[in-house]
Amino acid sequence: MNIITTPMCEDILKIAGVDDYTVVKPSYIENADVAVVLSETKTDIPKIPVKLNTYQQIYDSIFIIKNKFNTNIDEEKIKLIKYLINDNNKKKDNRKNIKVKVYGNFLKDTITDMGYNISDSDYDFIIVPDYMNIEFKNKKNVIIIPSHKNVPKNIIQRIKERYELLESKLCMKQ
């Protein structure tokens, strides 16, 4: 079976135990039996959509791939992801009173998973991905989050760095 994926999704295939695939840029998704791509990626070939914005989404995506291709997953990485999910869940109660306005769907997933309160009015902070060019009057409450080109390729490290950045900036309010 000819499987293709993009650089952002490659780690999911590795952790899920898929060895035989080709990594292509999103604009070159073609001539394959199936593409493992981010859920929002448009393609004319059959795809297995994955979401990779939270630890839980990573975990779920790994098992979607594992079940589709009947592979053996990297148990050590699964243990680490489970630990990170549980650690994040323990901190949610401390975050629920912080209100944030969020730009970007992937960031909404992250903010919701972390337990912060998303609001379009009366918010404490604004969260925006680095690819959006938006001017804000009060820049001290704006947190810019790295996206595609400015993040580690390692999926677990990518999420970990985003969570740590958000935690350090947003929890200063408490």
Protein backbone atom coordinates (compact mmCIF):
# COMPACT_ATOMS: atom_id res chain seq x y z
CA MET A 1 0.00 0.00 0.00
CA ASN A 2 1.35 3.42 -0.97
CA ILE A 3 0.96 5.72 2.07
CA ILE A 4 1.89 9.39 2.08
CA THR A 5 1.93 11.93 4.87
CA THR A 6 3.11 15.46 5.54
CA PRO A 7 5.97 16.55 7.82
CA MET A 8 3.47 17.66 10.50
CA CYS A 9 1.96 14.14 10.64
CA GLU A 10 5.02 11.95 10.24
CA ASP A 11 5.55 11.38 13.98
CA ILE A 12 2.06 9.90 14.31
CA LEU A 13 2.94 7.21 11.76
CA LYS A 14 6.22 6.46 13.55
CA ILE A 15 4.57 6.15 16.98
CA ALA A 16 1.75 4.06 15.49
CA GLY A 17 4.34 1.65 14.06
CA VAL A 18 3.93 2.38 10.34
CA ASP A 19 7.31 1.98 8.63
CA ASP A 20 6.55 2.22 4.93
CA TYR A 21 5.37 5.71 3.91
CA THR A 22 6.53 8.77 2.01
CA VAL A 23 6.67 12.29 3.42
CA VAL A 24 5.54 15.03 1.03
CA LYS A 25 4.67 18.71 1.24
CA PRO A 26 0.91 19.30 1.53
CA SER A 27 0.84 20.64 -2.04
CA TYR A 28 2.18 17.29 -3.31
CA ILE A 29 -0.47 14.99 -1.85
CA GLU A 30 -1.17 12.79 -4.87
CA ASN A 31 -0.48 9.40 -6.42
CA ALA A 32 -0.99 7.30 -3.31
CA ASP A 33 -3.48 4.79 -1.98
CA VAL A 34 -4.05 6.83 1.16
CA ALA A 35 -2.80 10.03 2.80
CA VAL A 36 -2.44 10.49 6.54
CA VAL A 37 -2.98 14.23 6.93
CA LEU A 38 -4.36 16.86 9.27
CA SER A 39 -8.14 16.77 9.34
CA GLU A 40 -8.46 20.16 7.65
CA THR A 41 -6.23 19.18 4.71
CA LYS A 42 -8.08 18.91 1.42
CA THR A 43 -7.09 16.09 -0.92
CA ASP A 44 -8.51 14.20 -3.87
CA ILE A 45 -7.15 10.85 -2.71
CA PRO A 46 -8.53 8.81 0.19
CA LYS A 47 -7.29 10.18 3.49
CA ILE A 48 -7.05 9.26 7.12
CA PRO A 49 -7.62 12.56 8.89
CA VAL A 50 -5.81 13.15 12.17
CA LYS A 51 -5.93 15.93 14.74
CA LEU A 52 -2.73 16.79 16.55
CA ASN A 53 -3.47 19.85 18.68
CA THR A 54 -3.73 18.19 22.10
CA TYR A 55 -2.23 15.20 23.87
CA GLN A 56 -5.62 13.44 23.70
CA GLN A 57 -5.88 14.07 19.95
CA ILE A 58 -2.38 12.63 19.47
CA TYR A 59 -3.35 9.57 21.49
CA ASP A 60 -6.60 9.07 19.55
CA SER A 61 -4.87 9.58 16.19
CA ILE A 62 -2.20 7.00 17.01
CA PHE A 63 -4.88 4.38 17.62
CA ILE A 64 -6.78 5.34 14.45
CA ILE A 65 -3.58 4.67 12.48
CA LYS A 66 -2.72 1.53 14.48
CA ASN A 67 -6.16 0.05 13.87
CA LYS A 68 -6.22 0.99 10.18
CA PHE A 69 -2.83 -0.61 9.43
CA ASN A 70 -2.75 -3.28 12.19
CA THR A 71 0.62 -2.17 13.56
CA ASN A 72 2.49 -2.35 16.85
CA ILE A 73 2.62 1.00 18.59
CA ASP A 74 5.57 2.50 20.48
CA GLU A 75 4.48 1.61 24.03
CA GLU A 76 6.99 3.99 25.66
CA LYS A 77 5.59 6.95 23.73
CA ILE A 78 2.04 5.87 24.62
CA LYS A 79 2.99 5.81 28.33
CA LEU A 80 4.45 9.30 28.00
CA ILE A 81 1.35 10.63 26.24
CA LYS A 82 -0.94 9.07 28.88
CA TYR A 83 1.16 10.70 31.60
CA LEU A 84 0.92 14.10 29.83
CA ILE A 85 -2.86 13.73 29.44
CA ASN A 86 -3.27 12.92 33.14
CA ASP A 87 -0.92 15.71 34.21
CA ASN A 88 -2.86 18.23 32.09
CA ASN A 89 -6.20 17.02 33.47
CA LYS A 90 -4.99 17.56 37.07
CA LYS A 91 -4.32 21.24 36.32
CA LYS A 92 -7.65 22.09 34.66
CA ASP A 93 -9.46 23.30 37.81
CA ASN A 94 -6.75 25.90 38.39
CA ARG A 95 -7.26 27.33 34.90
CA LYS A 96 -11.04 27.62 34.57
CA ASN A 97 -11.29 31.22 35.82
CA ILE A 98 -8.91 32.62 33.23
CA LYS A 99 -10.82 33.98 30.22
CA VAL A 100 -9.15 34.09 26.83
CA LYS A 101 -10.14 35.17 23.35
CA VAL A 102 -8.72 32.72 20.83
CA TYR A 103 -7.93 33.14 17.15
CA GLY A 104 -7.37 29.92 15.19
CA ASN A 105 -9.16 26.59 15.43
CA PHE A 106 -6.12 24.59 16.44
CA LEU A 107 -5.61 26.93 19.37
CA LYS A 108 -9.25 26.58 20.44
CA ASP A 109 -8.66 22.83 20.74
CA THR A 110 -5.56 23.44 22.85
CA ILE A 111 -7.13 26.08 25.10
CA THR A 112 -10.25 23.97 25.67
CA ASP A 113 -8.14 20.91 26.48
CA MET A 114 -6.10 22.89 28.98
CA GLY A 115 -9.27 24.01 30.76
CA TYR A 116 -9.17 27.74 30.12
CA ASN A 117 -12.42 29.63 29.53
CA ILE A 118 -12.86 30.84 25.92
CA SER A 119 -14.73 34.14 25.69
CA ASP A 120 -15.26 36.81 23.06
CA SER A 121 -15.86 39.50 25.65
CA ASP A 122 -14.45 40.38 29.06
CA TYR A 123 -11.31 38.30 28.47
CA ASP A 124 -7.95 38.51 30.22
CA PHE A 125 -5.74 37.44 27.31
CA ILE A 126 -5.78 37.08 23.55
CA ILE A 127 -4.23 33.96 22.04
CA VAL A 128 -3.21 34.17 18.39
CA PRO A 129 -1.17 31.93 16.06
CA ASP A 130 2.03 33.43 14.66
CA TYR A 131 0.77 33.36 11.08
CA MET A 132 -2.04 35.85 11.72
CA ASN A 133 -1.07 39.47 11.18
CA ILE A 134 -3.43 41.23 13.54
CA GLU A 135 -2.67 44.50 15.30
CA PHE A 136 -3.78 44.81 18.92
CA LYS A 137 -3.99 47.96 21.03
CA ASN A 138 -2.85 46.32 24.25
CA LYS A 139 -0.03 43.98 23.25
CA LYS A 140 0.89 43.01 26.81
CA ASN A 141 -2.12 40.65 27.01
CA VAL A 142 -1.50 39.10 23.59
CA ILE A 143 0.19 35.70 23.48
CA ILE A 144 1.51 34.61 20.10
CA ILE A 145 1.73 30.85 19.67
CA PRO A 146 4.16 29.24 17.20
CA SER A 147 2.52 27.26 14.43
CA HIS A 148 3.70 25.17 11.47
CA LYS A 149 7.17 26.41 10.58
CA ASN A 150 8.18 27.61 14.02
CA VAL A 151 7.65 24.42 16.01
CA PRO A 152 9.58 21.20 16.61
CA LYS A 153 8.92 18.37 14.19
CA ASN A 154 8.52 16.01 17.14
CA ILE A 155 4.77 15.99 17.79
CA ILE A 156 4.98 15.45 21.55
CA GLN A 157 7.59 18.19 21.97
CA ARG A 158 5.50 20.52 19.78
CA ILE A 159 2.43 20.16 22.00
CA LYS A 160 4.51 20.26 25.18
CA GLU A 161 6.13 23.56 24.19
CA ARG A 162 2.75 25.12 23.35
CA TYR A 163 1.21 23.96 26.64
CA GLU A 164 4.22 25.21 28.63
CA LEU A 165 4.15 28.59 26.88
CA LEU A 166 0.44 29.01 27.53
CA GLU A 167 0.75 27.83 31.13
CA SER A 168 3.60 30.22 31.88
CA LYS A 169 1.88 33.25 30.32
CA LEU A 170 -1.73 32.64 31.35
CA CYS A 171 -1.15 31.47 34.89
CA MET A 172 0.82 34.61 35.76
CA LYS A 173 -2.60 36.16 36.34
CA GLN A 174 -3.35 33.94 39.33
